[in-house]
């Protein structure tokens, strides 16, 4: 553990301070864009049922499914 003053001084001098950081828990925030999608009610009901079954919000499930499909297509 390094004191804040020493960390700041090394950073200000352009030295590498990455050794002081725990990068295992870093989260990258990707820019998002809101969209509107028209989905038939019966299909949306099935999405909601699956989201409830696994305990995640509808939007999270849809994003996961889209990402998985795009990854599958890229292979």
PDB file of N, CA and C in Angstrom:
ATOM      1  N   UNK A   1       0.857  -1.171   0.000  1.00  0.00           N
ATOM      2  CA  UNK A   1       0.000   0.000   0.000  1.00  0.00           C
ATOM      3  C   UNK A   1       0.905   1.236   0.000  1.00  0.00           C
ATOM      4  N   UNK A   2       0.545   2.193  -0.807  1.00  0.00           N
ATOM      5  CA  UNK A   2       1.318   3.420  -0.926  1.00  0.00           C
ATOM      6  C   UNK A   2       0.450   4.583  -0.446  1.00  0.00           C
ATOM      7  N   UNK A   3       1.087   5.556   0.146  1.00  0.00           N
ATOM      8  CA  UNK A   3       0.346   6.726   0.619  1.00  0.00           C
ATOM      9  C   UNK A   3      -0.066   7.586  -0.571  1.00  0.00           C
ATOM     10  N   UNK A   4      -1.166   8.291  -0.395  1.00  0.00           N
ATOM     11  CA  UNK A   4      -1.733   9.088  -1.482  1.00  0.00           C
ATOM     12  C   UNK A   4      -0.755  10.134  -2.000  1.00  0.00           C
ATOM     13  N   UNK A   5      -0.005  10.780  -1.100  1.00  0.00           N
ATOM     14  CA  UNK A   5       0.939  11.821  -1.534  1.00  0.00           C
ATOM     15  C   UNK A   5       2.009  11.231  -2.446  1.00  0.00           C
ATOM     16  N   UNK A   6       2.532  10.055  -2.072  1.00  0.00           N
ATOM     17  CA  UNK A   6       3.559   9.410  -2.879  1.00  0.00           C
ATOM     18  C   UNK A   6       2.976   8.983  -4.229  1.00  0.00           C
ATOM     19  N   UNK A   7       1.785   8.416  -4.196  1.00  0.00           N
ATOM     20  CA  UNK A   7       1.116   8.001  -5.426  1.00  0.00           C
ATOM     21  C   UNK A   7       0.920   9.202  -6.346  1.00  0.00           C
ATOM     22  N   UNK A   8       0.376  10.291  -5.790  1.00  0.00           N
ATOM     23  CA  UNK A   8       0.131  11.502  -6.580  1.00  0.00           C
ATOM     24  C   UNK A   8       1.422  12.061  -7.164  1.00  0.00           C
ATOM     25  N   UNK A   9       2.475  12.087  -6.361  1.00  0.00           N
ATOM     26  CA  UNK A   9       3.755  12.629  -6.824  1.00  0.00           C
ATOM     27  C   UNK A   9       4.302  11.791  -7.978  1.00  0.00           C
ATOM     28  N   UNK A  10       4.253  10.479  -7.826  1.00  0.00           N
ATOM     29  CA  UNK A  10       4.750   9.611  -8.892  1.00  0.00           C
ATOM     30  C   UNK A  10       3.901   9.764 -10.158  1.00  0.00           C
ATOM     31  N   UNK A  11       2.612   9.869  -9.985  1.00  0.00           N
ATOM     32  CA  UNK A  11       1.720  10.054 -11.133  1.00  0.00           C
ATOM     33  C   UNK A  11       2.024  11.377 -11.835  1.00  0.00           C
ATOM     34  N   UNK A  12       2.158  12.441 -11.042  1.00  0.00           N
ATOM     35  CA  UNK A  12       2.449  13.764 -11.602  1.00  0.00           C
ATOM     36  C   UNK A  12       3.789  13.800 -12.325  1.00  0.00           C
ATOM     37  N   UNK A  13       4.729  12.957 -11.900  1.00  0.00           N
ATOM     38  CA  UNK A  13       6.047  12.893 -12.543  1.00  0.00           C
ATOM     39  C   UNK A  13       6.028  11.994 -13.779  1.00  0.00           C
ATOM     40  N   UNK A  14       4.876  11.428 -14.084  1.00  0.00           N
ATOM     41  CA  UNK A  14       4.756  10.580 -15.266  1.00  0.00           C
ATOM     42  C   UNK A  14       5.252   9.163 -15.060  1.00  0.00           C
ATOM     43  N   UNK A  15       5.454   8.771 -13.802  1.00  0.00           N
ATOM     44  CA  UNK A  15       5.930   7.414 -13.522  1.00  0.00           C
ATOM     45  C   UNK A  15       4.772   6.422 -13.600  1.00  0.00           C
ATOM     46  N   UNK A  16       5.100   5.174 -13.828  1.00  0.00           N
ATOM     47  CA  UNK A  16       4.104   4.110 -13.909  1.00  0.00           C
ATOM     48  C   UNK A  16       3.599   3.786 -12.507  1.00  0.00           C
ATOM     49  N   UNK A  17       2.318   4.024 -12.266  1.00  0.00           N
ATOM     50  CA  UNK A  17       1.722   3.744 -10.957  1.00  0.00           C
ATOM     51  C   UNK A  17       0.768   2.549 -11.031  1.00  0.00           C
ATOM     52  N   UNK A  18       0.771   1.846 -12.151  1.00  0.00           N
ATOM     53  CA  UNK A  18      -0.171   0.742 -12.329  1.00  0.00           C
ATOM     54  C   UNK A  18       0.052  -0.381 -11.319  1.00  0.00           C
ATOM     55  N   UNK A  19       1.253  -0.516 -10.803  1.00  0.00           N
ATOM     56  CA  UNK A  19       1.532  -1.546  -9.811  1.00  0.00           C
ATOM     57  C   UNK A  19       0.796  -1.327  -8.499  1.00  0.00           C
ATOM     58  N   UNK A  20       0.337  -0.111  -8.271  1.00  0.00           N
ATOM     59  CA  UNK A  20      -0.403   0.208  -7.051  1.00  0.00           C
ATOM     60  C   UNK A  20      -1.905  -0.045  -7.203  1.00  0.00           C
ATOM     61  N   UNK A  21      -2.350  -0.330  -8.408  1.00  0.00           N
ATOM     62  CA  UNK A  21      -3.777  -0.455  -8.673  1.00  0.00           C
ATOM     63  C   UNK A  21      -4.188  -1.917  -8.786  1.00  0.00           C
ATOM     64  N   UNK A  22      -5.377  -2.224  -8.293  1.00  0.00           N
ATOM     65  CA  UNK A  22      -5.951  -3.560  -8.444  1.00  0.00           C
ATOM     66  C   UNK A  22      -6.825  -3.539  -9.695  1.00  0.00           C
ATOM     67  N   UNK A  23      -6.293  -4.018 -10.795  1.00  0.00           N
ATOM     68  CA  UNK A  23      -6.993  -3.960 -12.073  1.00  0.00           C
ATOM     69  C   UNK A  23      -7.931  -5.142 -12.292  1.00  0.00           C
ATOM     70  N   UNK A  24      -7.984  -6.054 -11.333  1.00  0.00           N
ATOM     71  CA  UNK A  24      -8.862  -7.220 -11.479  1.00  0.00           C
ATOM     72  C   UNK A  24     -10.332  -6.839 -11.427  1.00  0.00           C
ATOM     73  N   UNK A  25     -10.656  -5.771 -10.723  1.00  0.00           N
ATOM     74  CA  UNK A  25     -12.060  -5.400 -10.563  1.00  0.00           C
ATOM     75  C   UNK A  25     -12.463  -4.211 -11.435  1.00  0.00           C
ATOM     76  N   UNK A  26     -11.614  -3.861 -12.387  1.00  0.00           N
ATOM     77  CA  UNK A  26     -11.911  -2.719 -13.242  1.00  0.00           C
ATOM     78  C   UNK A  26     -13.098  -3.036 -14.146  1.00  0.00           C
ATOM     79  N   UNK A  27     -13.960  -2.051 -14.348  1.00  0.00           N
ATOM     80  CA  UNK A  27     -15.114  -2.209 -15.221  1.00  0.00           C
ATOM     81  C   UNK A  27     -15.009  -1.193 -16.348  1.00  0.00           C
ATOM     82  N   UNK A  28     -15.212  -1.668 -17.543  1.00  0.00           N
ATOM     83  CA  UNK A  28     -15.191  -0.791 -18.701  1.00  0.00           C
ATOM     84  C   UNK A  28     -16.631  -0.408 -19.019  1.00  0.00           C
ATOM     85  N   UNK A  29     -16.876   0.883 -19.062  1.00  0.00           N
ATOM     86  CA  UNK A  29     -18.219   1.370 -19.368  1.00  0.00           C
ATOM     87  C   UNK A  29     -18.283   1.737 -20.841  1.00  0.00           C
ATOM     88  N   UNK A  30     -19.054   0.969 -21.579  1.00  0.00           N
ATOM     89  CA  UNK A  30     -19.218   1.219 -23.000  1.00  0.00           C
ATOM     90  C   UNK A  30     -20.323   2.253 -23.190  1.00  0.00           C
ATOM     91  N   UNK A  31     -20.139   3.169 -24.129  1.00  0.00           N
ATOM     92  CA  UNK A  31     -21.219   4.122 -24.403  1.00  0.00           C
ATOM     93  C   UNK A  31     -22.472   3.368 -24.857  1.00  0.00           C
ATOM     94  N   UNK A  32     -23.608   3.863 -24.468  1.00  0.00           N
ATOM     95  CA  UNK A  32     -24.860   3.207 -24.837  1.00  0.00           C
ATOM     96  C   UNK A  32     -25.719   4.164 -25.657  1.00  0.00           C
ATOM     97  N   UNK A  33     -26.604   3.588 -26.421  1.00  0.00           N
ATOM     98  CA  UNK A  33     -27.578   4.364 -27.177  1.00  0.00           C
ATOM     99  C   UNK A  33     -28.928   3.710 -26.980  1.00  0.00           C
ATOM    100  N   UNK A  34     -29.896   4.502 -26.600  1.00  0.00           N
ATOM    101  CA  UNK A  34     -31.242   3.987 -26.365  1.00  0.00           C
ATOM    102  C   UNK A  34     -31.947   3.801 -27.710  1.00  0.00           C
ATOM    103  N   UNK A  35     -32.634   2.663 -27.834  1.00  0.00           N
ATOM    104  CA  UNK A  35     -33.394   2.387 -29.057  1.00  0.00           C
ATOM    105  C   UNK A  35     -34.801   1.941 -28.680  1.00  0.00           C
ATOM    106  N   UNK A  36     -35.697   2.035 -29.619  1.00  0.00           N
ATOM    107  CA  UNK A  36     -37.057   1.514 -29.449  1.00  0.00           C
ATOM    108  C   UNK A  36     -37.237   0.360 -30.416  1.00  0.00           C
ATOM    109  N   UNK A  37     -37.785  -0.731 -29.915  1.00  0.00           N
ATOM    110  CA  UNK A  37     -38.009  -1.913 -30.741  1.00  0.00           C
ATOM    111  C   UNK A  37     -39.448  -2.368 -30.531  1.00  0.00           C
ATOM    112  N   UNK A  38     -40.157  -2.553 -31.619  1.00  0.00           N
ATOM    113  CA  UNK A  38     -41.520  -3.081 -31.539  1.00  0.00           C
ATOM    114  C   UNK A  38     -41.449  -4.602 -31.550  1.00  0.00           C
ATOM    115  N   UNK A  39     -42.005  -5.218 -30.490  1.00  0.00           N
ATOM    116  CA  UNK A  39     -41.979  -6.677 -30.350  1.00  0.00           C
ATOM    117  C   UNK A  39     -43.414  -7.147 -30.129  1.00  0.00           C
ATOM    118  N   UNK A  40     -43.846  -8.171 -30.839  1.00  0.00           N
ATOM    119  CA  UNK A  40     -45.200  -8.694 -30.628  1.00  0.00           C
ATOM    120  C   UNK A  40     -45.409  -9.089 -29.159  1.00  0.00           C
ATOM    121  N   UNK A  41     -46.633  -8.859 -28.665  1.00  0.00           N
ATOM    122  CA  UNK A  41     -46.930  -9.114 -27.252  1.00  0.00           C
ATOM    123  C   UNK A  41     -46.643 -10.550 -26.835  1.00  0.00           C
ATOM    124  N   UNK A  42     -46.995 -11.508 -27.677  1.00  0.00           N
ATOM    125  CA  UNK A  42     -46.777 -12.907 -27.293  1.00  0.00           C
ATOM    126  C   UNK A  42     -45.290 -13.224 -27.179  1.00  0.00           C
ATOM    127  N   UNK A  43     -44.483 -12.640 -28.057  1.00  0.00           N
ATOM    128  CA  UNK A  43     -43.033 -12.843 -27.980  1.00  0.00           C
ATOM    129  C   UNK A  43     -42.463 -12.159 -26.738  1.00  0.00           C
ATOM    130  N   UNK A  44     -42.939 -10.954 -26.463  1.00  0.00           N
ATOM    131  CA  UNK A  44     -42.466 -10.223 -25.287  1.00  0.00           C
ATOM    132  C   UNK A  44     -42.843 -10.955 -24.000  1.00  0.00           C
ATOM    133  N   UNK A  45     -44.001 -11.575 -23.987  1.00  0.00           N
ATOM    134  CA  UNK A  45     -44.412 -12.346 -22.813  1.00  0.00           C
ATOM    135  C   UNK A  45     -43.452 -13.511 -22.576  1.00  0.00           C
ATOM    136  N   UNK A  46     -43.034 -14.176 -23.646  1.00  0.00           N
ATOM    137  CA  UNK A  46     -42.083 -15.279 -23.510  1.00  0.00           C
ATOM    138  C   UNK A  46     -40.726 -14.778 -23.015  1.00  0.00           C
ATOM    139  N   UNK A  47     -40.311 -13.616 -23.517  1.00  0.00           N
ATOM    140  CA  UNK A  47     -39.054 -13.013 -23.048  1.00  0.00           C
ATOM    141  C   UNK A  47     -39.162 -12.711 -21.558  1.00  0.00           C
ATOM    142  N   UNK A  48     -40.284 -12.108 -21.152  1.00  0.00           N
ATOM    143  CA  UNK A  48     -40.482 -11.777 -19.738  1.00  0.00           C
ATOM    144  C   UNK A  48     -40.498 -13.022 -18.859  1.00  0.00           C
ATOM    145  N   UNK A  49     -41.110 -14.085 -19.338  1.00  0.00           N
ATOM    146  CA  UNK A  49     -41.144 -15.332 -18.570  1.00  0.00           C
ATOM    147  C   UNK A  49     -39.739 -15.891 -18.375  1.00  0.00           C
ATOM    148  N   UNK A  50     -38.938 -15.867 -19.432  1.00  0.00           N
ATOM    149  CA  UNK A  50     -37.565 -16.380 -19.322  1.00  0.00           C
ATOM    150  C   UNK A  50     -36.729 -15.484 -18.412  1.00  0.00           C
ATOM    151  N   UNK A  51     -36.914 -14.176 -18.530  1.00  0.00           N
ATOM    152  CA  UNK A  51     -36.183 -13.246 -17.664  1.00  0.00           C
ATOM    153  C   UNK A  51     -36.539 -13.491 -16.200  1.00  0.00           C
ATOM    154  N   UNK A  52     -37.826 -13.687 -15.921  1.00  0.00           N
ATOM    155  CA  UNK A  52     -38.258 -13.963 -14.544  1.00  0.00           C
ATOM    156  C   UNK A  52     -37.711 -15.298 -14.059  1.00  0.00           C
ATOM    157  N   UNK A  53     -37.689 -16.278 -14.943  1.00  0.00           N
ATOM    158  CA  UNK A  53     -37.208 -17.612 -14.558  1.00  0.00           C
ATOM    159  C   UNK A  53     -35.757 -17.575 -14.106  1.00  0.00           C
ATOM    160  N   UNK A  54     -34.927 -16.798 -14.817  1.00  0.00           N
ATOM    161  CA  UNK A  54     -33.510 -16.755 -14.444  1.00  0.00           C
ATOM    162  C   UNK A  54     -33.170 -15.564 -13.551  1.00  0.00           C
ATOM    163  N   UNK A  55     -34.158 -14.702 -13.287  1.00  0.00           N
ATOM    164  CA  UNK A  55     -33.972 -13.625 -12.319  1.00  0.00           C
ATOM    165  C   UNK A  55     -33.173 -12.434 -12.815  1.00  0.00           C
ATOM    166  N   UNK A  56     -33.394 -12.053 -14.067  1.00  0.00           N
ATOM    167  CA  UNK A  56     -32.716 -10.869 -14.602  1.00  0.00           C
ATOM    168  C   UNK A  56     -33.749  -9.954 -15.252  1.00  0.00           C
ATOM    169  N   UNK A  57     -33.437  -8.674 -15.374  1.00  0.00           N
ATOM    170  CA  UNK A  57     -34.359  -7.772 -16.067  1.00  0.00           C
ATOM    171  C   UNK A  57     -34.469  -8.122 -17.555  1.00  0.00           C
ATOM    172  N   UNK A  58     -35.599  -7.789 -18.126  1.00  0.00           N
ATOM    173  CA  UNK A  58     -35.851  -8.049 -19.554  1.00  0.00           C
ATOM    174  C   UNK A  58     -34.742  -7.483 -20.430  1.00  0.00           C
ATOM    175  N   UNK A  59     -34.355  -6.248 -20.194  1.00  0.00           N
ATOM    176  CA  UNK A  59     -33.341  -5.615 -21.052  1.00  0.00           C
ATOM    177  C   UNK A  59     -31.999  -6.325 -20.959  1.00  0.00           C
ATOM    178  N   UNK A  60     -31.659  -6.794 -19.775  1.00  0.00           N
ATOM    179  CA  UNK A  60     -30.393  -7.522 -19.622  1.00  0.00           C
ATOM    180  C   UNK A  60     -30.418  -8.812 -20.421  1.00  0.00           C
ATOM    181  N   UNK A  61     -31.538  -9.503 -20.378  1.00  0.00           N
ATOM    182  CA  UNK A  61     -31.660 -10.749 -21.127  1.00  0.00           C
ATOM    183  C   UNK A  61     -31.566 -10.493 -22.630  1.00  0.00           C
ATOM    184  N   UNK A  62     -32.249  -9.473 -23.106  1.00  0.00           N
ATOM    185  CA  UNK A  62     -32.203  -9.159 -24.536  1.00  0.00           C
ATOM    186  C   UNK A  62     -30.792  -8.782 -24.977  1.00  0.00           C
ATOM    187  N   UNK A  63     -30.093  -7.985 -24.172  1.00  0.00           N
ATOM    188  CA  UNK A  63     -28.711  -7.617 -24.514  1.00  0.00           C
ATOM    189  C   UNK A  63     -27.814  -8.850 -24.546  1.00  0.00           C
ATOM    190  N   UNK A  64     -28.000  -9.744 -23.586  1.00  0.00           N
ATOM    191  CA  UNK A  64     -27.212 -10.975 -23.544  1.00  0.00           C
ATOM    192  C   UNK A  64     -27.472 -11.824 -24.781  1.00  0.00           C
ATOM    193  N   UNK A  65     -28.734 -11.992 -25.125  1.00  0.00           N
ATOM    194  CA  UNK A  65     -29.076 -12.800 -26.295  1.00  0.00           C
ATOM    195  C   UNK A  65     -28.511 -12.201 -27.579  1.00  0.00           C
ATOM    196  N   UNK A  66     -28.594 -10.898 -27.720  1.00  0.00           N
ATOM    197  CA  UNK A  66     -28.045 -10.250 -28.917  1.00  0.00           C
ATOM    198  C   UNK A  66     -26.533 -10.452 -28.979  1.00  0.00           C
ATOM    199  N   UNK A  67     -25.855 -10.242 -27.851  1.00  0.00           N
ATOM    200  CA  UNK A  67     -24.397 -10.410 -27.813  1.00  0.00           C
ATOM    201  C   UNK A  67     -24.001 -11.849 -28.130  1.00  0.00           C
ATOM    202  N   UNK A  68     -24.720 -12.818 -27.553  1.00  0.00           N
ATOM    203  CA  UNK A  68     -24.416 -14.227 -27.820  1.00  0.00           C
ATOM    204  C   UNK A  68     -24.609 -14.560 -29.295  1.00  0.00           C
ATOM    205  N   UNK A  69     -25.663 -14.051 -29.888  1.00  0.00           N
ATOM    206  CA  UNK A  69     -25.936 -14.338 -31.303  1.00  0.00           C
ATOM    207  C   UNK A  69     -24.860 -13.729 -32.195  1.00  0.00           C
ATOM    208  N   UNK A  70     -24.471 -12.493 -31.908  1.00  0.00           N
ATOM    209  CA  UNK A  70     -23.431 -11.843 -32.706  1.00  0.00           C
ATOM    210  C   UNK A  70     -22.095 -12.563 -32.557  1.00  0.00           C
ATOM    211  N   UNK A  71     -21.798 -13.031 -31.347  1.00  0.00           N
ATOM    212  CA  UNK A  71     -20.563 -13.789 -31.127  1.00  0.00           C
ATOM    213  C   UNK A  71     -20.607 -15.096 -31.913  1.00  0.00           C
ATOM    214  N   UNK A  72     -21.750 -15.741 -31.911  1.00  0.00           N
ATOM    215  CA  UNK A  72     -21.922 -16.999 -32.650  1.00  0.00           C
ATOM    216  C   UNK A  72     -21.732 -16.775 -34.152  1.00  0.00           C
ATOM    217  N   UNK A  73     -22.261 -15.681 -34.662  1.00  0.00           N
ATOM    218  CA  UNK A  73     -22.137 -15.379 -36.090  1.00  0.00           C
ATOM    219  C   UNK A  73     -20.705 -15.047 -36.485  1.00  0.00           C
ATOM    220  N   UNK A  74     -19.930 -14.520 -35.536  1.00  0.00           N
ATOM    221  CA  UNK A  74     -18.555 -14.114 -35.823  1.00  0.00           C
ATOM    222  C   UNK A  74     -17.606 -15.300 -35.918  1.00  0.00           C
ATOM    223  N   UNK A  75     -18.016 -16.449 -35.421  1.00  0.00           N
ATOM    224  CA  UNK A  75     -17.147 -17.633 -35.414  1.00  0.00           C
ATOM    225  C   UNK A  75     -17.048 -18.263 -36.772  1.00  0.00           C
TER     226      UNK A  75
END
